[in-house]
Every structure is written in structure tokens, then in C-alpha cells.
């Protein structure tokens, strides 16, 4: 299953977690110091909240598409490259308290998009 990822910088993580728990009707799937993510089933969405230090509250961090496997990341990379988009593979990335395989592309305004899969959850950001 794939789902779109939205990553938001927040000024108060506790307040944001409380708000989005009520808004989305689900508790965070992962809650760590300075970080929370919600794995929403309907609509399929991964919402990531980043505490201060990642950017001003209310701003967007990279956008993405979470996929189920490293093979899907590879297929996304091949498809994007075939479309003529510059891609930046990042296998074995440590991000968001997880080990991930990912590939990046940027829109004409520089907005970063990633296709990624979580290989393993870890204890470091």
C-alpha cells in the first residue's frame, strides 16, 4: 500500500499531537522526542510532525510517498528517471527514527519529494 506523506514543522509538538490526534481520529504511530508520525488508513496518509529546529512552525518539510518495499522505491526511481527527472537515490538513509531506502526528486520551485520505504525502526533520528 502506498500513501502520501506530509511533513509539517510545528512550534509545539505536544499541542500539535493533541490537535492531529483529534483531527485524524487516531493516535500517533510513532512518538519520539521532537518527532511524531501518524499512519492514517483512511484517507491513506502519513503525517509527520517535526518539533522546533527543523524550520518555523507551520512550514512544510519534504513531501513524499511511502511505499511498501525497496523494490517499489527502485521502480519509482526508474520511472522518474525515464520521465527525465533528475533523481537522487539515498539507500540506507537514517531518518525519522528509521532506516530507509529512498529516492528524491525536486519540483521546479525546489520542493523536495521522496519515495521511500521503512526498512527498520531505530532509536536515533
PDB file of N, CA and C in Angstrom:
ATOM      1  N   UNK A   1       0.835  -1.182   0.000  1.00  0.00           N
ATOM      2  CA  UNK A   1       0.000   0.000   0.000  1.00  0.00           C
ATOM      3  C   UNK A   1       0.879   1.245   0.000  1.00  0.00           C
ATOM      4  N   UNK A   2       0.557   2.192  -0.825  1.00  0.00           N
ATOM      5  CA  UNK A   2       1.251   3.476  -0.857  1.00  0.00           C
ATOM      6  C   UNK A   2       0.380   4.519  -0.186  1.00  0.00           C
ATOM      7  N   UNK A   3       1.047   5.546   0.367  1.00  0.00           N
ATOM      8  CA  UNK A   3       0.304   6.669   0.914  1.00  0.00           C
ATOM      9  C   UNK A   3       1.162   7.918   0.812  1.00  0.00           C
ATOM     10  N   UNK A   4       0.509   9.049   0.635  1.00  0.00           N
ATOM     11  CA  UNK A   4       1.201  10.327   0.556  1.00  0.00           C
ATOM     12  C   UNK A   4       1.686  10.707   1.944  1.00  0.00           C
ATOM     13  N   UNK A   5       2.888  11.292   1.995  1.00  0.00           N
ATOM     14  CA  UNK A   5       3.439  11.793   3.253  1.00  0.00           C
ATOM     15  C   UNK A   5       3.475  13.311   3.229  1.00  0.00           C
ATOM     16  N   UNK A   6       2.949  13.919   4.281  1.00  0.00           N
ATOM     17  CA  UNK A   6       3.078  15.350   4.516  1.00  0.00           C
ATOM     18  C   UNK A   6       3.873  15.522   5.795  1.00  0.00           C
ATOM     19  N   UNK A   7       4.883  16.361   5.763  1.00  0.00           N
ATOM     20  CA  UNK A   7       5.719  16.603   6.928  1.00  0.00           C
ATOM     21  C   UNK A   7       5.633  18.079   7.280  1.00  0.00           C
ATOM     22  N   UNK A   8       5.216  18.350   8.507  1.00  0.00           N
ATOM     23  CA  UNK A   8       4.979  19.725   8.949  1.00  0.00           C
ATOM     24  C   UNK A   8       5.896  20.059  10.115  1.00  0.00           C
ATOM     25  N   UNK A   9       6.527  21.223  10.055  1.00  0.00           N
ATOM     26  CA  UNK A   9       7.269  21.741  11.201  1.00  0.00           C
ATOM     27  C   UNK A   9       6.259  22.370  12.152  1.00  0.00           C
ATOM     28  N   UNK A  10       6.391  22.080  13.442  1.00  0.00           N
ATOM     29  CA  UNK A  10       5.458  22.608  14.436  1.00  0.00           C
ATOM     30  C   UNK A  10       6.228  23.335  15.523  1.00  0.00           C
ATOM     31  N   UNK A  11       5.587  24.334  16.114  1.00  0.00           N
ATOM     32  CA  UNK A  11       6.251  25.095  17.176  1.00  0.00           C
ATOM     33  C   UNK A  11       6.061  24.454  18.539  1.00  0.00           C
ATOM     34  N   UNK A  12       5.014  23.639  18.702  1.00  0.00           N
ATOM     35  CA  UNK A  12       4.732  22.968  19.977  1.00  0.00           C
ATOM     36  C   UNK A  12       4.282  21.550  19.660  1.00  0.00           C
ATOM     37  N   UNK A  13       5.187  20.593  19.807  1.00  0.00           N
ATOM     38  CA  UNK A  13       4.890  19.216  19.419  1.00  0.00           C
ATOM     39  C   UNK A  13       3.711  18.646  20.209  1.00  0.00           C
ATOM     40  N   UNK A  14       3.682  18.862  21.518  1.00  0.00           N
ATOM     41  CA  UNK A  14       2.590  18.304  22.331  1.00  0.00           C
ATOM     42  C   UNK A  14       1.227  18.831  21.876  1.00  0.00           C
ATOM     43  N   UNK A  15       1.147  20.136  21.633  1.00  0.00           N
ATOM     44  CA  UNK A  15      -0.119  20.720  21.180  1.00  0.00           C
ATOM     45  C   UNK A  15      -0.500  20.194  19.797  1.00  0.00           C
ATOM     46  N   UNK A  16       0.487  20.056  18.919  1.00  0.00           N
ATOM     47  CA  UNK A  16       0.211  19.554  17.571  1.00  0.00           C
ATOM     48  C   UNK A  16      -0.246  18.100  17.610  1.00  0.00           C
ATOM     49  N   UNK A  17       0.401  17.271  18.430  1.00  0.00           N
ATOM     50  CA  UNK A  17      -0.005  15.870  18.553  1.00  0.00           C
ATOM     51  C   UNK A  17      -1.446  15.794  19.059  1.00  0.00           C
ATOM     52  N   UNK A  18      -1.778  16.591  20.063  1.00  0.00           N
ATOM     53  CA  UNK A  18      -3.145  16.591  20.587  1.00  0.00           C
ATOM     54  C   UNK A  18      -4.145  17.004  19.508  1.00  0.00           C
ATOM     55  N   UNK A  19      -3.822  18.042  18.736  1.00  0.00           N
ATOM     56  CA  UNK A  19      -4.715  18.514  17.683  1.00  0.00           C
ATOM     57  C   UNK A  19      -4.903  17.446  16.607  1.00  0.00           C
ATOM     58  N   UNK A  20      -3.796  16.928  16.069  1.00  0.00           N
ATOM     59  CA  UNK A  20      -3.896  15.975  14.961  1.00  0.00           C
ATOM     60  C   UNK A  20      -4.482  14.634  15.398  1.00  0.00           C
ATOM     61  N   UNK A  21      -4.317  14.256  16.660  1.00  0.00           N
ATOM     62  CA  UNK A  21      -4.975  13.047  17.170  1.00  0.00           C
ATOM     63  C   UNK A  21      -6.487  13.212  17.075  1.00  0.00           C
ATOM     64  N   UNK A  22      -6.968  14.378  17.471  1.00  0.00           N
ATOM     65  CA  UNK A  22      -8.416  14.639  17.382  1.00  0.00           C
ATOM     66  C   UNK A  22      -8.854  14.800  15.931  1.00  0.00           C
ATOM     67  N   UNK A  23      -8.088  15.539  15.143  1.00  0.00           N
ATOM     68  CA  UNK A  23      -8.465  15.795  13.749  1.00  0.00           C
ATOM     69  C   UNK A  23      -8.547  14.500  12.944  1.00  0.00           C
ATOM     70  N   UNK A  24      -7.549  13.636  13.124  1.00  0.00           N
ATOM     71  CA  UNK A  24      -7.461  12.418  12.312  1.00  0.00           C
ATOM     72  C   UNK A  24      -8.156  11.220  12.950  1.00  0.00           C
ATOM     73  N   UNK A  25      -8.518  11.342  14.232  1.00  0.00           N
ATOM     74  CA  UNK A  25      -9.203  10.255  14.912  1.00  0.00           C
ATOM     75  C   UNK A  25      -8.319   9.059  15.198  1.00  0.00           C
ATOM     76  N   UNK A  26      -7.020   9.297  15.314  1.00  0.00           N
ATOM     77  CA  UNK A  26      -6.076   8.215  15.604  1.00  0.00           C
ATOM     78  C   UNK A  26      -4.872   8.776  16.351  1.00  0.00           C
ATOM     79  N   UNK A  27      -4.274   7.941  17.179  1.00  0.00           N
ATOM     80  CA  UNK A  27      -3.059   8.335  17.911  1.00  0.00           C
ATOM     81  C   UNK A  27      -1.844   8.199  17.001  1.00  0.00           C
ATOM     82  N   UNK A  28      -0.735   8.840  17.364  1.00  0.00           N
ATOM     83  CA  UNK A  28       0.476   8.692  16.562  1.00  0.00           C
ATOM     84  C   UNK A  28       0.932   7.226  16.497  1.00  0.00           C
ATOM     85  N   UNK A  29       1.431   6.840  15.336  1.00  0.00           N
ATOM     86  CA  UNK A  29       2.027   5.509  15.180  1.00  0.00           C
ATOM     87  C   UNK A  29       3.414   5.480  15.803  1.00  0.00           C
ATOM     88  N   UNK A  30       4.089   6.630  15.800  1.00  0.00           N
ATOM     89  CA  UNK A  30       5.428   6.745  16.382  1.00  0.00           C
ATOM     90  C   UNK A  30       5.530   8.108  17.049  1.00  0.00           C
ATOM     91  N   UNK A  31       5.976   8.124  18.303  1.00  0.00           N
ATOM     92  CA  UNK A  31       6.140   9.366  19.052  1.00  0.00           C
ATOM     93  C   UNK A  31       7.488   9.310  19.743  1.00  0.00           C
ATOM     94  N   UNK A  32       8.386  10.219  19.355  1.00  0.00           N
ATOM     95  CA  UNK A  32       9.734  10.284  19.896  1.00  0.00           C
ATOM     96  C   UNK A  32      10.042  11.746  20.233  1.00  0.00           C
ATOM     97  N   UNK A  33      11.133  12.016  20.931  1.00  0.00           N
ATOM     98  CA  UNK A  33      11.469  13.410  21.233  1.00  0.00           C
ATOM     99  C   UNK A  33      11.580  14.242  19.946  1.00  0.00           C
ATOM    100  N   UNK A  34      10.775  15.278  19.853  1.00  0.00           N
ATOM    101  CA  UNK A  34      10.815  16.174  18.703  1.00  0.00           C
ATOM    102  C   UNK A  34      10.198  15.626  17.439  1.00  0.00           C
ATOM    103  N   UNK A  35       9.491  14.487  17.522  1.00  0.00           N
ATOM    104  CA  UNK A  35       9.011  13.822  16.311  1.00  0.00           C
ATOM    105  C   UNK A  35       7.755  13.010  16.598  1.00  0.00           C
ATOM    106  N   UNK A  36       6.815  13.070  15.686  1.00  0.00           N
ATOM    107  CA  UNK A  36       5.639  12.195  15.750  1.00  0.00           C
ATOM    108  C   UNK A  36       5.213  11.880  14.327  1.00  0.00           C
ATOM    109  N   UNK A  37       4.671  10.688  14.129  1.00  0.00           N
ATOM    110  CA  UNK A  37       4.041  10.424  12.844  1.00  0.00           C
ATOM    111  C   UNK A  37       2.749   9.663  13.042  1.00  0.00           C
ATOM    112  N   UNK A  38       1.824   9.939  12.149  1.00  0.00           N
ATOM    113  CA  UNK A  38       0.509   9.314  12.147  1.00  0.00           C
ATOM    114  C   UNK A  38       0.397   8.491  10.868  1.00  0.00           C
ATOM    115  N   UNK A  39       0.063   7.232  10.983  1.00  0.00           N
ATOM    116  CA  UNK A  39      -0.156   6.355   9.830  1.00  0.00           C
ATOM    117  C   UNK A  39      -1.667   6.206   9.663  1.00  0.00           C
ATOM    118  N   UNK A  40      -2.250   7.075   8.882  1.00  0.00           N
ATOM    119  CA  UNK A  40      -3.700   7.138   8.723  1.00  0.00           C
ATOM    120  C   UNK A  40      -4.128   6.169   7.625  1.00  0.00           C
ATOM    121  N   UNK A  41      -5.131   5.372   7.932  1.00  0.00           N
ATOM    122  CA  UNK A  41      -5.617   4.378   6.971  1.00  0.00           C
ATOM    123  C   UNK A  41      -6.555   5.015   5.951  1.00  0.00           C
ATOM    124  N   UNK A  42      -7.487   5.856   6.433  1.00  0.00           N
ATOM    125  CA  UNK A  42      -8.473   6.431   5.526  1.00  0.00           C
ATOM    126  C   UNK A  42      -8.629   7.914   5.822  1.00  0.00           C
ATOM    127  N   UNK A  43      -8.171   8.783   4.948  1.00  0.00           N
ATOM    128  CA  UNK A  43      -7.504   8.504   3.677  1.00  0.00           C
ATOM    129  C   UNK A  43      -6.065   8.059   3.914  1.00  0.00           C
ATOM    130  N   UNK A  44      -5.486   7.311   2.983  1.00  0.00           N
ATOM    131  CA  UNK A  44      -4.109   6.841   3.178  1.00  0.00           C
ATOM    132  C   UNK A  44      -3.131   8.016   3.248  1.00  0.00           C
ATOM    133  N   UNK A  45      -2.615   8.261   4.445  1.00  0.00           N
ATOM    134  CA  UNK A  45      -1.766   9.427   4.685  1.00  0.00           C
ATOM    135  C   UNK A  45      -0.749   9.108   5.767  1.00  0.00           C
ATOM    136  N   UNK A  46       0.483   9.539   5.571  1.00  0.00           N
ATOM    137  CA  UNK A  46       1.500   9.545   6.626  1.00  0.00           C
ATOM    138  C   UNK A  46       1.721  11.014   6.956  1.00  0.00           C
ATOM    139  N   UNK A  47       1.316  11.426   8.148  1.00  0.00           N
ATOM    140  CA  UNK A  47       1.522  12.799   8.604  1.00  0.00           C
ATOM    141  C   UNK A  47       2.661  12.797   9.598  1.00  0.00           C
ATOM    142  N   UNK A  48       3.689  13.590   9.311  1.00  0.00           N
ATOM    143  CA  UNK A  48       4.870  13.681  10.174  1.00  0.00           C
ATOM    144  C   UNK A  48       4.910  15.078  10.776  1.00  0.00           C
ATOM    145  N   UNK A  49       5.149  15.131  12.087  1.00  0.00           N
ATOM    146  CA  UNK A  49       5.298  16.405  12.798  1.00  0.00           C
ATOM    147  C   UNK A  49       6.723  16.505  13.306  1.00  0.00           C
ATOM    148  N   UNK A  50       7.380  17.606  13.006  1.00  0.00           N
ATOM    149  CA  UNK A  50       8.751  17.856  13.452  1.00  0.00           C
ATOM    150  C   UNK A  50       8.767  19.055  14.380  1.00  0.00           C
ATOM    151  N   UNK A  51       9.398  18.888  15.536  1.00  0.00           N
ATOM    152  CA  UNK A  51       9.458  19.944  16.541  1.00  0.00           C
ATOM    153  C   UNK A  51      10.404  21.059  16.104  1.00  0.00           C
ATOM    154  N   UNK A  52      10.415  22.147  16.874  1.00  0.00           N
ATOM    155  CA  UNK A  52      11.287  23.274  16.527  1.00  0.00           C
ATOM    156  C   UNK A  52      12.722  22.830  16.249  1.00  0.00           C
ATOM    157  N   UNK A  53      13.353  23.550  15.345  1.00  0.00           N
ATOM    158  CA  UNK A  53      14.723  23.226  14.965  1.00  0.00           C
ATOM    159  C   UNK A  53      14.791  22.751  13.529  1.00  0.00           C
ATOM    160  N   UNK A  54      13.655  22.329  12.973  1.00  0.00           N
ATOM    161  CA  UNK A  54      13.603  21.888  11.582  1.00  0.00           C
ATOM    162  C   UNK A  54      13.095  22.974  10.657  1.00  0.00           C
ATOM    163  N   UNK A  55      12.628  24.061  11.219  1.00  0.00           N
ATOM    164  CA  UNK A  55      12.072  25.166  10.448  1.00  0.00           C
ATOM    165  C   UNK A  55      10.967  25.817  11.254  1.00  0.00           C
ATOM    166  N   UNK A  56      10.531  26.997  10.842  1.00  0.00           N
ATOM    167  CA  UNK A  56       9.484  27.704  11.580  1.00  0.00           C
ATOM    168  C   UNK A  56       8.196  26.888  11.627  1.00  0.00           C
ATOM    169  N   UNK A  57       7.454  26.979  12.742  1.00  0.00           N
ATOM    170  CA  UNK A  57       6.174  26.303  12.854  1.00  0.00           C
ATOM    171  C   UNK A  57       5.255  26.667  11.702  1.00  0.00           C
ATOM    172  N   UNK A  58       4.509  25.693  11.234  1.00  0.00           N
ATOM    173  CA  UNK A  58       3.563  25.918  10.150  1.00  0.00           C
ATOM    174  C   UNK A  58       4.158  25.812   8.765  1.00  0.00           C
ATOM    175  N   UNK A  59       5.421  25.450   8.660  1.00  0.00           N
ATOM    176  CA  UNK A  59       6.032  25.285   7.342  1.00  0.00           C
ATOM    177  C   UNK A  59       6.094  23.796   6.981  1.00  0.00           C
ATOM    178  N   UNK A  60       6.196  23.545   5.699  1.00  0.00           N
ATOM    179  CA  UNK A  60       6.208  22.179   5.175  1.00  0.00           C
ATOM    180  C   UNK A  60       7.642  21.689   5.044  1.00  0.00           C
ATOM    181  N   UNK A  61       7.848  20.460   5.456  1.00  0.00           N
ATOM    182  CA  UNK A  61       9.104  19.754   5.250  1.00  0.00           C
ATOM    183  C   UNK A  61       8.962  18.969   3.950  1.00  0.00           C
ATOM    184  N   UNK A  62       9.916  18.119   3.610  1.00  0.00           N
ATOM    185  CA  UNK A  62       9.751  17.371   2.365  1.00  0.00           C
ATOM    186  C   UNK A  62       8.432  16.611   2.321  1.00  0.00           C
ATOM    187  N   UNK A  63       7.919  16.508   1.116  1.00  0.00           N
ATOM    188  CA  UNK A  63       6.717  15.738   0.844  1.00  0.00           C
ATOM    189  C   UNK A  63       7.151  14.378   0.319  1.00  0.00           C
ATOM    190  N   UNK A  64       6.273  13.423   0.334  1.00  0.00           N
ATOM    191  CA  UNK A  64       6.706  12.121  -0.141  1.00  0.00           C
ATOM    192  C   UNK A  64       5.589  11.143  -0.371  1.00  0.00           C
ATOM    193  N   UNK A  65       6.011   9.971  -0.794  1.00  0.00           N
ATOM    194  CA  UNK A  65       5.135   8.831  -0.972  1.00  0.00           C
ATOM    195  C   UNK A  65       5.799   7.658  -0.277  1.00  0.00           C
ATOM    196  N   UNK A  66       5.127   7.128   0.735  1.00  0.00           N
ATOM    197  CA  UNK A  66       5.633   5.937   1.427  1.00  0.00           C
ATOM    198  C   UNK A  66       5.152   4.711   0.655  1.00  0.00           C
ATOM    199  N   UNK A  67       6.078   3.818   0.340  1.00  0.00           N
ATOM    200  CA  UNK A  67       5.746   2.580  -0.359  1.00  0.00           C
ATOM    201  C   UNK A  67       6.134   1.399   0.514  1.00  0.00           C
ATOM    202  N   UNK A  68       5.734   0.208   0.094  1.00  0.00           N
ATOM    203  CA  UNK A  68       5.866  -0.978   0.938  1.00  0.00           C
ATOM    204  C   UNK A  68       7.212  -1.682   0.890  1.00  0.00           C
ATOM    205  N   UNK A  69       8.034  -1.391  -0.138  1.00  0.00           N
ATOM    206  CA  UNK A  69       9.264  -2.175  -0.272  1.00  0.00           C
ATOM    207  C   UNK A  69      10.360  -1.384  -0.988  1.00  0.00           C
ATOM    208  N   UNK A  70      11.596  -1.871  -0.816  1.00  0.00           N
ATOM    209  CA  UNK A  70      12.736  -1.279  -1.524  1.00  0.00           C
ATOM    210  C   UNK A  70      12.578  -1.454  -3.034  1.00  0.00           C
ATOM    211  N   UNK A  71      11.951  -2.548  -3.465  1.00  0.00           N
ATOM    212  CA  UNK A  71      11.703  -2.742  -4.903  1.00  0.00           C
ATOM    213  C   UNK A  71      10.813  -1.637  -5.456  1.00  0.00           C
ATOM    214  N   UNK A  72       9.823  -1.222  -4.669  1.00  0.00           N
ATOM    215  CA  UNK A  72       8.950  -0.137  -5.122  1.00  0.00           C
ATOM    216  C   UNK A  72       9.708   1.188  -5.201  1.00  0.00           C
ATOM    217  N   UNK A  73      10.643   1.401  -4.306  1.00  0.00           N
ATOM    218  CA  UNK A  73      11.487   2.603  -4.379  1.00  0.00           C
ATOM    219  C   UNK A  73      12.304   2.558  -5.663  1.00  0.00           C
ATOM    220  N   UNK A  74      12.881   1.403  -5.971  1.00  0.00           N
ATOM    221  CA  UNK A  74      13.674   1.246  -7.199  1.00  0.00           C
ATOM    222  C   UNK A  74      12.815   1.475  -8.446  1.00  0.00           C
ATOM    223  N   UNK A  75      11.599   0.962  -8.431  1.00  0.00           N
ATOM    224  CA  UNK A  75      10.700   1.178  -9.579  1.00  0.00           C
ATOM    225  C   UNK A  75      10.347   2.657  -9.721  1.00  0.00           C
ATOM    226  N   UNK A  76      10.126   3.334  -8.597  1.00  0.00           N
ATOM    227  CA  UNK A  76       9.836   4.766  -8.654  1.00  0.00           C
ATOM    228  C   UNK A  76      11.031   5.527  -9.217  1.00  0.00           C
ATOM    229  N   UNK A  77      12.235   5.166  -8.770  1.00  0.00           N
ATOM    230  CA  UNK A  77      13.441   5.813  -9.288  1.00  0.00           C
ATOM    231  C   UNK A  77      13.556   5.627 -10.793  1.00  0.00           C
ATOM    232  N   UNK A  78      13.334   4.410 -11.275  1.00  0.00           N
ATOM    233  CA  UNK A  78      13.429   4.135 -12.716  1.00  0.00           C
ATOM    234  C   UNK A  78      12.365   4.914 -13.491  1.00  0.00           C
ATOM    235  N   UNK A  79      11.155   4.971 -12.963  1.00  0.00           N
ATOM    236  CA  UNK A  79      10.082   5.687 -13.641  1.00  0.00           C
ATOM    237  C   UNK A  79      10.366   7.181 -13.704  1.00  0.00           C
ATOM    238  N   UNK A  80      10.820   7.764 -12.588  1.00  0.00           N
ATOM    239  CA  UNK A  80      11.133   9.196 -12.571  1.00  0.00           C
ATOM    240  C   UNK A  80      12.271   9.524 -13.528  1.00  0.00           C
ATOM    241  N   UNK A  81      13.300   8.696 -13.530  1.00  0.00           N
ATOM    242  CA  UNK A  81      14.431   8.910 -14.445  1.00  0.00           C
ATOM    243  C   UNK A  81      13.979   8.787 -15.900  1.00  0.00           C
ATOM    244  N   UNK A  82      13.102   7.814 -16.190  1.00  0.00           N
ATOM    245  CA  UNK A  82      12.588   7.644 -17.551  1.00  0.00           C
ATOM    246  C   UNK A  82      11.759   8.853 -17.992  1.00  0.00           C
ATOM    247  N   UNK A  83      11.164   9.553 -17.009  1.00  0.00           N
ATOM    248  CA  UNK A  83      10.408  10.776 -17.305  1.00  0.00           C
ATOM    249  C   UNK A  83      11.327  11.984 -17.469  1.00  0.00           C
ATOM    250  N   UNK A  84      12.632  11.775 -17.315  1.00  0.00           N
ATOM    251  CA  UNK A  84      13.593  12.847 -17.488  1.00  0.00           C
ATOM    252  C   UNK A  84      13.815  13.697 -16.250  1.00  0.00           C
ATOM    253  N   UNK A  85      13.341  13.220 -15.096  1.00  0.00           N
ATOM    254  CA  UNK A  85      13.545  13.975 -13.861  1.00  0.00           C
ATOM    255  C   UNK A  85      14.877  13.595 -13.221  1.00  0.00           C
ATOM    256  N   UNK A  86      15.656  14.577 -12.777  1.00  0.00           N
ATOM    257  CA  UNK A  86      16.860  14.245 -12.026  1.00  0.00           C
ATOM    258  C   UNK A  86      16.463  13.582 -10.704  1.00  0.00           C
ATOM    259  N   UNK A  87      17.079  12.460 -10.401  1.00  0.00           N
ATOM    260  CA  UNK A  87      16.767  11.748  -9.167  1.00  0.00           C
ATOM    261  C   UNK A  87      18.016  11.630  -8.314  1.00  0.00           C
ATOM    262  N   UNK A  88      17.809  11.564  -7.014  1.00  0.00           N
ATOM    263  CA  UNK A  88      18.890  11.416  -6.047  1.00  0.00           C
ATOM    264  C   UNK A  88      18.576  10.215  -5.161  1.00  0.00           C
ATOM    265  N   UNK A  89      19.121   9.040  -5.481  1.00  0.00           N
ATOM    266  CA  UNK A  89      18.876   7.884  -4.622  1.00  0.00           C
ATOM    267  C   UNK A  89      19.575   8.048  -3.278  1.00  0.00           C
ATOM    268  N   UNK A  90      18.947   7.547  -2.243  1.00  0.00           N
ATOM    269  CA  UNK A  90      19.525   7.598  -0.901  1.00  0.00           C
ATOM    270  C   UNK A  90      19.226   6.264  -0.189  1.00  0.00           C
ATOM    271  N   UNK A  91      19.943   5.212  -0.582  1.00  0.00           N
ATOM    272  CA  UNK A  91      19.719   3.920   0.080  1.00  0.00           C
ATOM    273  C   UNK A  91      20.301   3.927   1.488  1.00  0.00           C
ATOM    274  N   UNK A  92      19.648   3.216   2.382  1.00  0.00           N
ATOM    275  CA  UNK A  92      20.157   3.082   3.749  1.00  0.00           C
ATOM    276  C   UNK A  92      20.183   4.367   4.532  1.00  0.00           C
ATOM    277  N   UNK A  93      19.264   5.288   4.263  1.00  0.00           N
ATOM    278  CA  UNK A  93      19.217   6.572   4.960  1.00  0.00           C
ATOM    279  C   UNK A  93      18.689   6.394   6.381  1.00  0.00           C
ATOM    280  N   UNK A  94      19.263   7.151   7.309  1.00  0.00           N
ATOM    281  CA  UNK A  94      18.741   7.205   8.668  1.00  0.00           C
ATOM    282  C   UNK A  94      17.915   8.475   8.772  1.00  0.00           C
ATOM    283  N   UNK A  95      16.620   8.301   8.995  1.00  0.00           N
ATOM    284  CA  UNK A  95      15.710   9.441   9.032  1.00  0.00           C
ATOM    285  C   UNK A  95      14.479   9.066   9.840  1.00  0.00           C
ATOM    286  N   UNK A  96      14.007   9.992  10.656  1.00  0.00           N
ATOM    287  CA  UNK A  96      12.706   9.825  11.298  1.00  0.00           C
ATOM    288  C   UNK A  96      12.628   8.570  12.156  1.00  0.00           C
ATOM    289  N   UNK A  97      13.704   8.293  12.876  1.00  0.00           N
ATOM    290  CA  UNK A  97      13.788   7.117  13.747  1.00  0.00           C
ATOM    291  C   UNK A  97      13.581   5.827  12.951  1.00  0.00           C
ATOM    292  N   UNK A  98      14.146   5.794  11.745  1.00  0.00           N
ATOM    293  CA  UNK A  98      14.020   4.605  10.902  1.00  0.00           C
ATOM    294  C   UNK A  98      15.191   4.537   9.930  1.00  0.00           C
ATOM    295  N   UNK A  99      15.505   3.326   9.515  1.00  0.00           N
ATOM    296  CA  UNK A  99      16.433   3.089   8.405  1.00  0.00           C
ATOM    297  C   UNK A  99      15.566   2.967   7.161  1.00  0.00           C
ATOM    298  N   UNK A 100      15.875   3.755   6.129  1.00  0.00           N
ATOM    299  CA  UNK A 100      15.012   3.837   4.953  1.00  0.00           C
ATOM    300  C   UNK A 100      15.818   3.741   3.668  1.00  0.00           C
ATOM    301  N   UNK A 101      15.193   3.225   2.632  1.00  0.00           N
ATOM    302  CA  UNK A 101      15.664   3.402   1.264  1.00  0.00           C
ATOM    303  C   UNK A 101      14.755   4.455   0.656  1.00  0.00           C
ATOM    304  N   UNK A 102      15.359   5.416  -0.077  1.00  0.00           N
ATOM    305  CA  UNK A 102      14.547   6.473  -0.664  1.00  0.00           C
ATOM    306  C   UNK A 102      15.183   7.003  -1.930  1.00  0.00           C
ATOM    307  N   UNK A 103      14.381   7.711  -2.689  1.00  0.00           N
ATOM    308  CA  UNK A 103      14.855   8.433  -3.860  1.00  0.00           C
ATOM    309  C   UNK A 103      14.154   9.787  -3.858  1.00  0.00           C
ATOM    310  N   UNK A 104      14.928  10.825  -4.187  1.00  0.00           N
ATOM    311  CA  UNK A 104      14.442  12.203  -4.156  1.00  0.00           C
ATOM    312  C   UNK A 104      14.291  12.771  -5.559  1.00  0.00           C
ATOM    313  N   UNK A 105      13.313  13.659  -5.710  1.00  0.00           N
ATOM    314  CA  UNK A 105      13.159  14.497  -6.901  1.00  0.00           C
ATOM    315  C   UNK A 105      12.670  15.853  -6.401  1.00  0.00           C
ATOM    316  N   UNK A 106      12.958  16.904  -7.154  1.00  0.00           N
ATOM    317  CA  UNK A 106      12.560  18.258  -6.755  1.00  0.00           C
ATOM    318  C   UNK A 106      11.712  18.890  -7.843  1.00  0.00           C
ATOM    319  N   UNK A 107      10.647  19.587  -7.435  1.00  0.00           N
ATOM    320  CA  UNK A 107       9.797  20.255  -8.413  1.00  0.00           C
ATOM    321  C   UNK A 107      10.496  21.521  -8.910  1.00  0.00           C
ATOM    322  N   UNK A 108       9.938  22.206  -9.902  1.00  0.00           N
ATOM    323  CA  UNK A 108      10.603  23.384 -10.469  1.00  0.00           C
ATOM    324  C   UNK A 108      10.908  24.490  -9.462  1.00  0.00           C
ATOM    325  N   UNK A 109      10.165  24.538  -8.345  1.00  0.00           N
ATOM    326  CA  UNK A 109      10.422  25.540  -7.312  1.00  0.00           C
ATOM    327  C   UNK A 109      11.341  25.032  -6.216  1.00  0.00           C
ATOM    328  N   UNK A 110      11.841  23.800  -6.366  1.00  0.00           N
ATOM    329  CA  UNK A 110      12.760  23.243  -5.389  1.00  0.00           C
ATOM    330  C   UNK A 110      12.110  22.438  -4.279  1.00  0.00           C
ATOM    331  N   UNK A 111      10.789  22.240  -4.348  1.00  0.00           N
ATOM    332  CA  UNK A 111      10.116  21.443  -3.322  1.00  0.00           C
ATOM    333  C   UNK A 111      10.587  19.995  -3.441  1.00  0.00           C
ATOM    334  N   UNK A 112      11.064  19.463  -2.327  1.00  0.00           N
ATOM    335  CA  UNK A 112      11.598  18.097  -2.310  1.00  0.00           C
ATOM    336  C   UNK A 112      10.466  17.085  -2.139  1.00  0.00           C
ATOM    337  N   UNK A 113      10.506  16.046  -2.980  1.00  0.00           N
ATOM    338  CA  UNK A 113       9.610  14.896  -2.889  1.00  0.00           C
ATOM    339  C   UNK A 113      10.461  13.651  -2.755  1.00  0.00           C
ATOM    340  N   UNK A 114      10.020  12.732  -1.906  1.00  0.00           N
ATOM    341  CA  UNK A 114      10.725  11.474  -1.762  1.00  0.00           C
ATOM    342  C   UNK A 114       9.764  10.303  -1.927  1.00  0.00           C
ATOM    343  N   UNK A 115      10.245   9.247  -2.559  1.00  0.00           N
ATOM    344  CA  UNK A 115       9.614   7.931  -2.492  1.00  0.00           C
ATOM    345  C   UNK A 115      10.489   7.164  -1.520  1.00  0.00           C
ATOM    346  N   UNK A 116       9.874   6.522  -0.518  1.00  0.00           N
ATOM    347  CA  UNK A 116      10.681   5.851   0.497  1.00  0.00           C
ATOM    348  C   UNK A 116       9.959   4.649   1.064  1.00  0.00           C
ATOM    349  N   UNK A 117      10.751   3.762   1.659  1.00  0.00           N
ATOM    350  CA  UNK A 117      10.211   2.664   2.444  1.00  0.00           C
ATOM    351  C   UNK A 117      11.000   2.562   3.737  1.00  0.00           C
ATOM    352  N   UNK A 118      10.340   2.166   4.788  1.00  0.00           N
ATOM    353  CA  UNK A 118      10.992   1.949   6.080  1.00  0.00           C
ATOM    354  C   UNK A 118      11.504   0.523   6.103  1.00  0.00           C
ATOM    355  N   UNK A 119      12.821   0.386   6.270  1.00  0.00           N
ATOM    356  CA  UNK A 119      13.445  -0.928   6.346  1.00  0.00           C
ATOM    357  C   UNK A 119      13.431  -1.464   7.771  1.00  0.00           C
ATOM    358  N   UNK A 120      13.628  -0.544   8.730  1.00  0.00           N
ATOM    359  CA  UNK A 120      13.716  -0.949  10.134  1.00  0.00           C
ATOM    360  C   UNK A 120      13.531   0.289  10.995  1.00  0.00           C
ATOM    361  N   UNK A 121      12.803   0.143  12.094  1.00  0.00           N
ATOM    362  CA  UNK A 121      12.685   1.225  13.074  1.00  0.00           C
ATOM    363  C   UNK A 121      13.899   1.206  13.983  1.00  0.00           C
ATOM    364  N   UNK A 122      14.423   2.404  14.306  1.00  0.00           N
ATOM    365  CA  UNK A 122      15.619   2.513  15.131  1.00  0.00           C
ATOM    366  C   UNK A 122      15.400   3.578  16.206  1.00  0.00           C
ATOM    367  N   UNK A 123      16.335   3.701  17.139  1.00  0.00           N
ATOM    368  CA  UNK A 123      16.187   4.619  18.264  1.00  0.00           C
ATOM    369  C   UNK A 123      16.813   5.981  18.063  1.00  0.00           C
ATOM    370  N   UNK A 124      17.388   6.248  16.897  1.00  0.00           N
ATOM    371  CA  UNK A 124      18.022   7.538  16.645  1.00  0.00           C
ATOM    372  C   UNK A 124      17.308   8.239  15.493  1.00  0.00           C
ATOM    373  N   UNK A 125      17.284   9.584  15.547  1.00  0.00           N
ATOM    374  CA  UNK A 125      16.578  10.330  14.494  1.00  0.00           C
ATOM    375  C   UNK A 125      17.307  10.202  13.185  1.00  0.00           C
TER     376      UNK A 125
END
